[in-house]
Protein backbone atom coordinates (compact mmCIF):
# COMPACT_ATOMS: atom_id res chain seq x y z
CA MET A 1 -3.71 8.95 -15.65
CA SER A 2 -1.11 11.45 -16.87
CA GLU A 3 2.03 10.33 -15.20
CA ASP A 4 3.41 7.07 -13.88
CA PRO A 5 2.40 6.81 -10.17
CA LEU A 6 5.12 4.25 -9.36
CA PRO A 7 7.90 6.75 -8.55
CA LYS A 8 5.66 8.56 -6.05
CA LEU A 9 4.49 5.33 -4.37
CA ARG A 10 8.10 4.11 -4.29
CA ALA A 11 9.23 7.30 -2.55
CA LEU A 12 6.53 6.98 0.11
CA CYS A 13 7.37 3.34 0.85
CA THR A 14 11.10 3.67 0.92
CA ALA A 15 10.99 6.71 3.18
CA LEU A 16 9.89 4.42 6.01
CA PRO A 17 12.53 2.83 8.34
CA GLU A 18 14.18 -0.38 7.29
CA THR A 19 12.16 -0.94 4.12
CA SER A 20 13.35 -2.59 0.93
CA GLU A 21 11.94 -3.14 -2.55
CA ARG A 22 12.05 -6.21 -4.77
CA LEU A 23 9.84 -7.86 -7.31
CA SER A 24 7.27 -10.27 -6.01
CA HIS A 25 4.95 -12.02 -8.51
CA GLY A 26 6.32 -9.66 -11.13
CA GLU A 27 5.36 -6.46 -9.32
CA PRO A 28 7.38 -3.98 -7.27
CA THR A 29 6.75 -4.85 -3.60
CA TRP A 30 7.96 -3.19 -0.42
CA PHE A 31 8.99 -5.12 2.71
CA VAL A 32 9.85 -4.27 6.30
CA ARG A 33 13.30 -5.68 7.12
CA GLY A 34 13.26 -7.63 3.87
CA ARG A 35 10.59 -10.09 5.15
CA LYS A 36 7.09 -8.66 5.73
CA THR A 37 5.22 -7.24 2.81
CA PHE A 38 3.30 -4.00 3.49
CA VAL A 39 2.64 -2.64 -0.07
CA THR A 40 2.48 -4.33 -3.53
CA TYR A 41 2.14 -2.36 -6.73
CA SER A 42 -0.43 -3.64 -9.24
CA ASP A 43 0.06 -2.57 -12.82
CA HIS A 44 -2.55 -4.40 -14.87
CA HIS A 45 -1.45 -7.62 -13.22
CA HIS A 46 -4.95 -8.90 -12.37
CA ASP A 47 -7.19 -6.56 -14.38
CA ASP A 48 -6.92 -3.40 -16.48
CA ARG A 49 -6.34 -1.10 -13.55
CA VAL A 50 -3.27 0.44 -11.90
CA GLY A 51 -3.11 0.55 -8.14
CA PHE A 52 -1.58 -0.99 -5.06
CA TRP A 53 -2.50 -3.42 -2.36
CA CYS A 54 -1.51 -2.81 1.24
CA ALA A 55 -1.93 -4.11 4.74
CA ALA A 56 -4.59 -2.16 6.64
CA PRO A 57 -5.92 -1.94 10.21
CA PRO A 58 -9.01 -3.96 10.95
CA GLY A 59 -12.16 -2.50 9.42
CA THR A 60 -10.40 -0.06 7.13
CA GLN A 61 -10.98 -2.04 3.92
CA GLU A 62 -14.67 -2.38 4.50
CA THR A 63 -15.12 1.29 5.37
CA LEU A 64 -13.21 2.75 2.53
CA VAL A 65 -14.48 0.38 -0.15
CA ALA A 66 -18.08 1.06 0.91
CA ALA A 67 -17.53 4.82 1.02
CA GLU A 68 -15.58 5.23 -2.27
CA PRO A 69 -15.60 2.11 -4.51
CA ASP A 70 -14.20 4.18 -7.39
CA ARG A 71 -10.95 4.72 -5.40
CA PHE A 72 -10.67 1.63 -3.15
CA PHE A 73 -11.25 -2.06 -3.67
CA ARG A 74 -10.80 -5.48 -2.05
CA PRO A 75 -7.73 -7.01 -3.67
CA PRO A 76 -7.53 -10.62 -4.76
CA TYR A 77 -5.58 -13.16 -2.64
CA VAL A 78 -5.12 -10.86 0.36
CA GLY A 79 -8.54 -9.12 0.53
CA HIS A 80 -9.89 -11.67 2.86
CA ARG A 81 -7.19 -10.76 5.39
CA GLY A 82 -8.35 -7.12 5.40
CA TRP A 83 -5.85 -5.72 2.92
CA LEU A 84 -6.91 -2.66 1.01
CA GLY A 85 -6.64 -1.96 -2.72
CA VAL A 86 -6.07 1.63 -3.81
CA TYR A 87 -6.59 2.67 -7.45
CA LEU A 88 -3.92 4.96 -8.84
CA ASP A 89 -5.54 5.46 -12.32
CA VAL A 90 -7.94 7.98 -10.86
CA PRO A 91 -7.21 11.49 -9.44
CA VAL A 92 -4.91 10.70 -6.44
CA ASP A 93 -4.64 12.54 -3.14
CA TRP A 94 -0.95 11.77 -2.45
CA LEU A 95 -1.16 13.00 1.15
CA GLU A 96 -3.90 10.51 1.79
CA VAL A 97 -1.91 7.76 -0.01
CA GLY A 98 1.04 8.63 2.25
CA GLU A 99 -1.18 8.10 5.32
CA ILE A 100 -2.40 4.76 3.97
CA VAL A 101 1.12 3.59 3.19
CA THR A 102 2.27 4.63 6.65
CA GLU A 103 -0.68 2.77 8.31
CA ALA A 104 0.18 -0.31 6.18
CA TYR A 105 3.75 -0.08 7.56
CA ARG A 106 2.48 0.16 11.10
CA VAL A 107 0.33 -2.95 10.68
CA VAL A 108 3.33 -5.20 9.80
CA ALA A 109 6.37 -3.52 11.33
CA PRO A 110 7.82 -4.61 14.69
CA ALA A 111 6.90 -2.45 17.66
CA ARG A 112 10.47 -0.95 17.88
CA LEU A 113 10.23 0.35 14.29
CA VAL A 114 6.71 1.75 14.83
CA ALA A 115 8.01 3.50 17.98
CA ALA A 116 10.92 4.95 16.02
CA LEU A 117 8.51 6.20 13.39
CA ASP A 118 6.44 7.88 16.06
CA GLU A 119 9.48 9.61 17.49
CA ALA A 120 10.54 11.04 14.11
């Protein structure tokens, strides 16, 4: 990993409507309207890897982890709820990460914010 992925992840998360960032369990975490978490950064917090955890549509976690376990994982604590883990210490396709972050937002955001996102 040649550069810190946090600034790029932060930019993707904060570009979405009514998002905010604050530390949660010692890691940068992004919320919709200050309440609902949709992405949590993971910098060696639970293992020796850098990545993030995010909300995901049903079935996404299983599909991506099975297809590419070197890039995706089932995160602790929230994996049983279908959340997806994405490694950032491997070559990263930032367009794909942007899509994953946007889908995480869609999973937790209120319908009005999702509609506003679709109109943009």
